[in-house]
Amino acid sequence: MKKSKSKSNEKCRFVAARKNSDGTLSEFKDNNGKTYDYEQALEAVENGMIENAIPFTGRDGARHIRGVNDGNEKTNLKNLEEF
């Protein structure tokens, strides 16, 4: 018999995003309705809690979030539904 995953072990997906006045992603919402500011989102991504995003170090040396490159433009984080 298979064990079912507990809710805490399931990865979430970012389904919506909010941009600040200069167009930079500043907040995210997951498929459970939880909202994250950018730092909280980055921490969740770095901890492997979000399945459709990965962390990376930018040219500026800072840690950032990007969508998983799956070839689907709709899943690009900048193209998520706004909230």
PDB file of N, CA and C in Angstrom:
ATOM      1  N   MET A   1       0.839  -1.169   0.000  1.00  0.00           N
ATOM      2  CA  MET A   1       0.000   0.000   0.000  1.00  0.00           C
ATOM      3  C   MET A   1       0.891   1.242   0.000  1.00  0.00           C
ATOM      4  N   LYS A   2       0.581   2.208  -0.873  1.00  0.00           N
ATOM      5  CA  LYS A   2       1.354   3.435  -0.948  1.00  0.00           C
ATOM      6  C   LYS A   2       1.009   4.363   0.197  1.00  0.00           C
ATOM      7  N   LYS A   3       2.031   5.027   0.707  1.00  0.00           N
ATOM      8  CA  LYS A   3       1.791   6.056   1.716  1.00  0.00           C
ATOM      9  C   LYS A   3       1.466   7.347   0.985  1.00  0.00           C
ATOM     10  N   SER A   4       0.492   8.061   1.477  1.00  0.00           N
ATOM     11  CA  SER A   4       0.175   9.342   0.855  1.00  0.00           C
ATOM     12  C   SER A   4       1.103  10.403   1.425  1.00  0.00           C
ATOM     13  N   LYS A   5       1.447  11.348   0.578  1.00  0.00           N
ATOM     14  CA  LYS A   5       2.296  12.443   1.027  1.00  0.00           C
ATOM     15  C   LYS A   5       1.535  13.316   2.000  1.00  0.00           C
ATOM     16  N   SER A   6       2.223  13.768   3.010  1.00  0.00           N
ATOM     17  CA  SER A   6       1.580  14.721   3.911  1.00  0.00           C
ATOM     18  C   SER A   6       1.567  16.073   3.228  1.00  0.00           C
ATOM     19  N   LYS A   7       0.627  16.900   3.600  1.00  0.00           N
ATOM     20  CA  LYS A   7       0.468  18.214   3.000  1.00  0.00           C
ATOM     21  C   LYS A   7       1.756  19.030   3.088  1.00  0.00           C
ATOM     22  N   SER A   8       2.489  18.892   4.204  1.00  0.00           N
ATOM     23  CA  SER A   8       3.699  19.680   4.397  1.00  0.00           C
ATOM     24  C   SER A   8       4.822  19.277   3.443  1.00  0.00           C
ATOM     25  N   ASN A   9       4.773  18.065   2.874  1.00  0.00           N
ATOM     26  CA  ASN A   9       5.812  17.613   1.959  1.00  0.00           C
ATOM     27  C   ASN A   9       5.497  17.937   0.505  1.00  0.00           C
ATOM     28  N   GLU A  10       4.289  18.362   0.217  1.00  0.00           N
ATOM     29  CA  GLU A  10       3.901  18.654  -1.155  1.00  0.00           C
ATOM     30  C   GLU A  10       4.459  20.006  -1.579  1.00  0.00           C
ATOM     31  N   LYS A  11       4.986  20.045  -2.789  1.00  0.00           N
ATOM     32  CA  LYS A  11       5.479  21.305  -3.321  1.00  0.00           C
ATOM     33  C   LYS A  11       4.313  22.123  -3.852  1.00  0.00           C
ATOM     34  N   CYS A  12       4.445  23.414  -3.744  1.00  0.00           N
ATOM     35  CA  CYS A  12       3.448  24.346  -4.267  1.00  0.00           C
ATOM     36  C   CYS A  12       3.946  24.908  -5.589  1.00  0.00           C
ATOM     37  N   ARG A  13       3.059  25.625  -6.256  1.00  0.00           N
ATOM     38  CA  ARG A  13       3.391  26.322  -7.498  1.00  0.00           C
ATOM     39  C   ARG A  13       3.008  27.779  -7.348  1.00  0.00           C
ATOM     40  N   PHE A  14       3.824  28.670  -7.876  1.00  0.00           N
ATOM     41  CA  PHE A  14       3.416  30.064  -7.965  1.00  0.00           C
ATOM     42  C   PHE A  14       2.394  30.163  -9.093  1.00  0.00           C
ATOM     43  N   VAL A  15       1.252  30.783  -8.807  1.00  0.00           N
ATOM     44  CA  VAL A  15       0.193  30.912  -9.805  1.00  0.00           C
ATOM     45  C   VAL A  15      -0.118  32.365 -10.144  1.00  0.00           C
ATOM     46  N   ALA A  16       0.371  33.300  -9.333  1.00  0.00           N
ATOM     47  CA  ALA A  16       0.128  34.718  -9.581  1.00  0.00           C
ATOM     48  C   ALA A  16       1.299  35.517  -9.022  1.00  0.00           C
ATOM     49  N   ALA A  17       1.475  36.714  -9.556  1.00  0.00           N
ATOM     50  CA  ALA A  17       2.568  37.571  -9.110  1.00  0.00           C
ATOM     51  C   ALA A  17       2.115  39.022  -9.125  1.00  0.00           C
ATOM     52  N   ARG A  18       2.810  39.814  -8.345  1.00  0.00           N
ATOM     53  CA  ARG A  18       2.570  41.257  -8.303  1.00  0.00           C
ATOM     54  C   ARG A  18       3.898  41.937  -8.622  1.00  0.00           C
ATOM     55  N   LYS A  19       3.816  42.997  -9.413  1.00  0.00           N
ATOM     56  CA  LYS A  19       5.016  43.745  -9.789  1.00  0.00           C
ATOM     57  C   LYS A  19       4.997  45.106  -9.111  1.00  0.00           C
ATOM     58  N   ASN A  20       6.183  45.632  -8.822  1.00  0.00           N
ATOM     59  CA  ASN A  20       6.248  46.978  -8.264  1.00  0.00           C
ATOM     60  C   ASN A  20       6.186  47.992  -9.405  1.00  0.00           C
ATOM     61  N   SER A  21       6.334  49.268  -9.085  1.00  0.00           N
ATOM     62  CA  SER A  21       6.138  50.326 -10.076  1.00  0.00           C
ATOM     63  C   SER A  21       7.130  50.274 -11.240  1.00  0.00           C
ATOM     64  N   ASP A  22       8.290  49.658 -11.042  1.00  0.00           N
ATOM     65  CA  ASP A  22       9.245  49.564 -12.153  1.00  0.00           C
ATOM     66  C   ASP A  22       9.151  48.240 -12.912  1.00  0.00           C
ATOM     67  N   GLY A  23       8.112  47.440 -12.607  1.00  0.00           N
ATOM     68  CA  GLY A  23       7.869  46.198 -13.328  1.00  0.00           C
ATOM     69  C   GLY A  23       8.593  44.981 -12.789  1.00  0.00           C
ATOM     70  N   THR A  24       9.300  45.144 -11.677  1.00  0.00           N
ATOM     71  CA  THR A  24      10.020  44.031 -11.057  1.00  0.00           C
ATOM     72  C   THR A  24       9.066  43.204 -10.208  1.00  0.00           C
ATOM     73  N   LEU A  25       9.177  41.882 -10.288  1.00  0.00           N
ATOM     74  CA  LEU A  25       8.341  41.009  -9.461  1.00  0.00           C
ATOM     75  C   LEU A  25       8.625  41.283  -7.990  1.00  0.00           C
ATOM     76  N   SER A  26       7.563  41.482  -7.209  1.00  0.00           N
ATOM     77  CA  SER A  26       7.746  41.829  -5.798  1.00  0.00           C
ATOM     78  C   SER A  26       7.005  40.910  -4.840  1.00  0.00           C
ATOM     79  N   GLU A  27       5.952  40.238  -5.308  1.00  0.00           N
ATOM     80  CA  GLU A  27       5.179  39.322  -4.471  1.00  0.00           C
ATOM     81  C   GLU A  27       4.682  38.169  -5.328  1.00  0.00           C
ATOM     82  N   PHE A  28       4.415  37.054  -4.665  1.00  0.00           N
ATOM     83  CA  PHE A  28       3.921  35.866  -5.346  1.00  0.00           C
ATOM     84  C   PHE A  28       2.773  35.260  -4.555  1.00  0.00           C
ATOM     85  N   LYS A  29       1.900  34.546  -5.264  1.00  0.00           N
ATOM     86  CA  LYS A  29       0.823  33.780  -4.624  1.00  0.00           C
ATOM     87  C   LYS A  29       0.939  32.348  -5.113  1.00  0.00           C
ATOM     88  N   ASP A  30       0.808  31.386  -4.172  1.00  0.00           N
ATOM     89  CA  ASP A  30       0.894  29.984  -4.574  1.00  0.00           C
ATOM     90  C   ASP A  30      -0.488  29.389  -4.799  1.00  0.00           C
ATOM     91  N   ASN A  31      -0.519  28.148  -5.250  1.00  0.00           N
ATOM     92  CA  ASN A  31      -1.780  27.487  -5.579  1.00  0.00           C
ATOM     93  C   ASN A  31      -2.655  27.221  -4.360  1.00  0.00           C
ATOM     94  N   ASN A  32      -2.135  27.420  -3.160  1.00  0.00           N
ATOM     95  CA  ASN A  32      -2.942  27.293  -1.939  1.00  0.00           C
ATOM     96  C   ASN A  32      -3.440  28.644  -1.444  1.00  0.00           C
ATOM     97  N   GLY A  33      -3.118  29.719  -2.166  1.00  0.00           N
ATOM     98  CA  GLY A  33      -3.559  31.055  -1.789  1.00  0.00           C
ATOM     99  C   GLY A  33      -2.609  31.801  -0.869  1.00  0.00           C
ATOM    100  N   LYS A  34      -1.497  31.177  -0.496  1.00  0.00           N
ATOM    101  CA  LYS A  34      -0.521  31.841   0.377  1.00  0.00           C
ATOM    102  C   LYS A  34       0.244  32.875  -0.429  1.00  0.00           C
ATOM    103  N   THR A  35       0.454  34.050   0.160  1.00  0.00           N
ATOM    104  CA  THR A  35       1.230  35.090  -0.502  1.00  0.00           C
ATOM    105  C   THR A  35       2.604  35.204   0.147  1.00  0.00           C
ATOM    106  N   TYR A  36       3.574  35.581  -0.669  1.00  0.00           N
ATOM    107  CA  TYR A  36       4.964  35.703  -0.247  1.00  0.00           C
ATOM    108  C   TYR A  36       5.506  37.038  -0.738  1.00  0.00           C
ATOM    109  N   ASP A  37       6.219  37.772   0.125  1.00  0.00           N
ATOM    110  CA  ASP A  37       6.982  38.886  -0.417  1.00  0.00           C
ATOM    111  C   ASP A  37       8.201  38.269  -1.106  1.00  0.00           C
ATOM    112  N   TYR A  38       9.007  39.070  -1.769  1.00  0.00           N
ATOM    113  CA  TYR A  38      10.093  38.502  -2.574  1.00  0.00           C
ATOM    114  C   TYR A  38      11.069  37.684  -1.734  1.00  0.00           C
ATOM    115  N   GLU A  39      11.435  38.189  -0.569  1.00  0.00           N
ATOM    116  CA  GLU A  39      12.396  37.468   0.281  1.00  0.00           C
ATOM    117  C   GLU A  39      11.821  36.141   0.776  1.00  0.00           C
ATOM    118  N   GLN A  40      10.546  36.138   1.151  1.00  0.00           N
ATOM    119  CA  GLN A  40       9.898  34.892   1.583  1.00  0.00           C
ATOM    120  C   GLN A  40       9.829  33.901   0.423  1.00  0.00           C
ATOM    121  N   ALA A  41       9.517  34.412  -0.766  1.00  0.00           N
ATOM    122  CA  ALA A  41       9.438  33.554  -1.953  1.00  0.00           C
ATOM    123  C   ALA A  41      10.802  32.955  -2.269  1.00  0.00           C
ATOM    124  N   LEU A  42      11.837  33.772  -2.196  1.00  0.00           N
ATOM    125  CA  LEU A  42      13.188  33.283  -2.465  1.00  0.00           C
ATOM    126  C   LEU A  42      13.568  32.189  -1.471  1.00  0.00           C
ATOM    127  N   GLU A  43      13.244  32.381  -0.215  1.00  0.00           N
ATOM    128  CA  GLU A  43      13.538  31.367   0.801  1.00  0.00           C
ATOM    129  C   GLU A  43      12.795  30.062   0.501  1.00  0.00           C
ATOM    130  N   ALA A  44      11.508  30.176   0.134  1.00  0.00           N
ATOM    131  CA  ALA A  44      10.719  28.984  -0.190  1.00  0.00           C
ATOM    132  C   ALA A  44      11.302  28.258  -1.402  1.00  0.00           C
ATOM    133  N   VAL A  45      11.706  29.013  -2.413  1.00  0.00           N
ATOM    134  CA  VAL A  45      12.302  28.419  -3.612  1.00  0.00           C
ATOM    135  C   VAL A  45      13.624  27.737  -3.259  1.00  0.00           C
ATOM    136  N   GLU A  46      14.467  28.412  -2.480  1.00  0.00           N
ATOM    137  CA  GLU A  46      15.761  27.837  -2.097  1.00  0.00           C
ATOM    138  C   GLU A  46      15.598  26.578  -1.251  1.00  0.00           C
ATOM    139  N   ASN A  47      14.505  26.494  -0.504  1.00  0.00           N
ATOM    140  CA  ASN A  47      14.236  25.319   0.325  1.00  0.00           C
ATOM    141  C   ASN A  47      13.505  24.210  -0.432  1.00  0.00           C
ATOM    142  N   GLY A  48      13.304  24.397  -1.745  1.00  0.00           N
ATOM    143  CA  GLY A  48      12.683  23.362  -2.565  1.00  0.00           C
ATOM    144  C   GLY A  48      11.184  23.226  -2.374  1.00  0.00           C
ATOM    145  N   MET A  49      10.541  24.255  -1.854  1.00  0.00           N
ATOM    146  CA  MET A  49       9.109  24.190  -1.573  1.00  0.00           C
ATOM    147  C   MET A  49       8.243  24.577  -2.771  1.00  0.00           C
ATOM    148  N   ILE A  50       8.844  25.178  -3.798  1.00  0.00           N
ATOM    149  CA  ILE A  50       8.102  25.659  -4.960  1.00  0.00           C
ATOM    150  C   ILE A  50       8.595  24.895  -6.183  1.00  0.00           C
ATOM    151  N   GLU A  51       7.678  24.233  -6.900  1.00  0.00           N
ATOM    152  CA  GLU A  51       8.105  23.367  -8.004  1.00  0.00           C
ATOM    153  C   GLU A  51       8.327  24.086  -9.325  1.00  0.00           C
ATOM    154  N   ASN A  52       7.786  25.278  -9.500  1.00  0.00           N
ATOM    155  CA  ASN A  52       7.920  25.934 -10.802  1.00  0.00           C
ATOM    156  C   ASN A  52       8.860  27.139 -10.777  1.00  0.00           C
ATOM    157  N   ALA A  53       9.790  27.162  -9.818  1.00  0.00           N
ATOM    158  CA  ALA A  53      10.760  28.246  -9.741  1.00  0.00           C
ATOM    159  C   ALA A  53      12.085  27.709  -9.212  1.00  0.00           C
ATOM    160  N   ILE A  54      13.163  28.376  -9.622  1.00  0.00           N
ATOM    161  CA  ILE A  54      14.494  28.009  -9.144  1.00  0.00           C
ATOM    162  C   ILE A  54      15.244  29.275  -8.733  1.00  0.00           C
ATOM    163  N   PRO A  55      16.166  29.149  -7.783  1.00  0.00           N
ATOM    164  CA  PRO A  55      16.985  30.303  -7.406  1.00  0.00           C
ATOM    165  C   PRO A  55      18.218  30.388  -8.310  1.00  0.00           C
ATOM    166  N   PHE A  56      18.732  31.593  -8.490  1.00  0.00           N
ATOM    167  CA  PHE A  56      19.982  31.760  -9.221  1.00  0.00           C
ATOM    168  C   PHE A  56      20.677  33.016  -8.720  1.00  0.00           C
ATOM    169  N   THR A  57      21.963  33.093  -8.967  1.00  0.00           N
ATOM    170  CA  THR A  57      22.737  34.276  -8.615  1.00  0.00           C
ATOM    171  C   THR A  57      22.883  35.123  -9.866  1.00  0.00           C
ATOM    172  N   GLY A  58      22.419  36.369  -9.783  1.00  0.00           N
ATOM    173  CA  GLY A  58      22.462  37.268 -10.923  1.00  0.00           C
ATOM    174  C   GLY A  58      23.830  37.887 -11.131  1.00  0.00           C
ATOM    175  N   ARG A  59      23.951  38.635 -12.209  1.00  0.00           N
ATOM    176  CA  ARG A  59      25.206  39.334 -12.504  1.00  0.00           C
ATOM    177  C   ARG A  59      25.565  40.320 -11.403  1.00  0.00           C
ATOM    178  N   ASP A  60      24.532  40.772 -10.685  1.00  0.00           N
ATOM    179  CA  ASP A  60      24.752  41.711  -9.585  1.00  0.00           C
ATOM    180  C   ASP A  60      25.238  41.020  -8.316  1.00  0.00           C
ATOM    181  N   GLY A  61      25.352  39.686  -8.352  1.00  0.00           N
ATOM    182  CA  GLY A  61      25.813  38.924  -7.202  1.00  0.00           C
ATOM    183  C   GLY A  61      24.724  38.569  -6.210  1.00  0.00           C
ATOM    184  N   ALA A  62      23.519  39.081  -6.425  1.00  0.00           N
ATOM    185  CA  ALA A  62      22.396  38.818  -5.515  1.00  0.00           C
ATOM    186  C   ALA A  62      21.639  37.566  -5.960  1.00  0.00           C
ATOM    187  N   ARG A  63      20.930  36.962  -5.024  1.00  0.00           N
ATOM    188  CA  ARG A  63      20.094  35.792  -5.316  1.00  0.00           C
ATOM    189  C   ARG A  63      18.754  36.277  -5.865  1.00  0.00           C
ATOM    190  N   HIS A  64      18.258  35.589  -6.886  1.00  0.00           N
ATOM    191  CA  HIS A  64      17.004  35.930  -7.545  1.00  0.00           C
ATOM    192  C   HIS A  64      16.201  34.660  -7.787  1.00  0.00           C
ATOM    193  N   ILE A  65      14.970  34.853  -8.270  1.00  0.00           N
ATOM    194  CA  ILE A  65      14.070  33.748  -8.587  1.00  0.00           C
ATOM    195  C   ILE A  65      13.783  33.776 -10.083  1.00  0.00           C
ATOM    196  N   ARG A  66      13.776  32.596 -10.692  1.00  0.00           N
ATOM    197  CA  ARG A  66      13.341  32.503 -12.094  1.00  0.00           C
ATOM    198  C   ARG A  66      12.446  31.281 -12.234  1.00  0.00           C
ATOM    199  N   GLY A  67      11.628  31.309 -13.252  1.00  0.00           N
ATOM    200  CA  GLY A  67      10.767  30.172 -13.527  1.00  0.00           C
ATOM    201  C   GLY A  67      11.566  29.014 -14.089  1.00  0.00           C
ATOM    202  N   VAL A  68      11.048  27.820 -13.918  1.00  0.00           N
ATOM    203  CA  VAL A  68      11.673  26.635 -14.496  1.00  0.00           C
ATOM    204  C   VAL A  68      11.489  26.715 -16.006  1.00  0.00           C
ATOM    205  N   ASN A  69      12.555  26.534 -16.749  1.00  0.00           N
ATOM    206  CA  ASN A  69      12.497  26.637 -18.206  1.00  0.00           C
ATOM    207  C   ASN A  69      11.874  25.369 -18.775  1.00  0.00           C
ATOM    208  N   ASP A  70      10.563  25.443 -19.013  1.00  0.00           N
ATOM    209  CA  ASP A  70       9.860  24.282 -19.565  1.00  0.00           C
ATOM    210  C   ASP A  70       9.393  24.532 -20.995  1.00  0.00           C
ATOM    211  N   GLY A  71       9.830  25.653 -21.580  1.00  0.00           N
ATOM    212  CA  GLY A  71       9.468  25.960 -22.949  1.00  0.00           C
ATOM    213  C   GLY A  71       8.086  26.567 -23.117  1.00  0.00           C
ATOM    214  N   ASN A  72       7.356  26.718 -22.018  1.00  0.00           N
ATOM    215  CA  ASN A  72       6.008  27.276 -22.070  1.00  0.00           C
ATOM    216  C   ASN A  72       6.052  28.720 -21.583  1.00  0.00           C
ATOM    217  N   GLU A  73       5.820  29.658 -22.481  1.00  0.00           N
ATOM    218  CA  GLU A  73       5.879  31.083 -22.145  1.00  0.00           C
ATOM    219  C   GLU A  73       4.879  31.459 -21.047  1.00  0.00           C
ATOM    220  N   LYS A  74       3.764  30.729 -20.957  1.00  0.00           N
ATOM    221  CA  LYS A  74       2.753  31.033 -19.941  1.00  0.00           C
ATOM    222  C   LYS A  74       3.250  30.767 -18.530  1.00  0.00           C
ATOM    223  N   THR A  75       4.254  29.903 -18.381  1.00  0.00           N
ATOM    224  CA  THR A  75       4.757  29.594 -17.043  1.00  0.00           C
ATOM    225  C   THR A  75       5.923  30.491 -16.630  1.00  0.00           C
ATOM    226  N   ASN A  76       6.345  31.381 -17.526  1.00  0.00           N
ATOM    227  CA  ASN A  76       7.355  32.363 -17.156  1.00  0.00           C
ATOM    228  C   ASN A  76       6.782  33.194 -16.011  1.00  0.00           C
ATOM    229  N   LEU A  77       7.535  33.381 -14.940  1.00  0.00           N
ATOM    230  CA  LEU A  77       7.003  34.065 -13.758  1.00  0.00           C
ATOM    231  C   LEU A  77       6.491  35.468 -14.075  1.00  0.00           C
ATOM    232  N   LYS A  78       7.103  36.145 -15.033  1.00  0.00           N
ATOM    233  CA  LYS A  78       6.642  37.490 -15.397  1.00  0.00           C
ATOM    234  C   LYS A  78       5.298  37.457 -16.118  1.00  0.00           C
ATOM    235  N   ASN A  79       4.892  36.286 -16.593  1.00  0.00           N
ATOM    236  CA  ASN A  79       3.622  36.152 -17.305  1.00  0.00           C
ATOM    237  C   ASN A  79       2.514  35.557 -16.449  1.00  0.00           C
ATOM    238  N   LEU A  80       2.781  35.346 -15.161  1.00  0.00           N
ATOM    239  CA  LEU A  80       1.732  34.822 -14.284  1.00  0.00           C
ATOM    240  C   LEU A  80       0.611  35.839 -14.144  1.00  0.00           C
ATOM    241  N   GLU A  81      -0.563  35.348 -13.807  1.00  0.00           N
ATOM    242  CA  GLU A  81      -1.704  36.217 -13.532  1.00  0.00           C
ATOM    243  C   GLU A  81      -1.309  37.212 -12.442  1.00  0.00           C
ATOM    244  N   GLU A  82      -1.791  38.449 -12.563  1.00  0.00           N
ATOM    245  CA  GLU A  82      -1.509  39.447 -11.527  1.00  0.00           C
ATOM    246  C   GLU A  82      -2.566  39.376 -10.440  1.00  0.00           C
ATOM    247  N   PHE A  83      -2.160  39.702  -9.225  1.00  0.00           N
ATOM    248  CA  PHE A  83      -3.117  39.747  -8.111  1.00  0.00           C
ATOM    249  C   PHE A  83      -2.943  41.024  -7.340  1.00  0.00           C
TER     250      PHE A  83
END
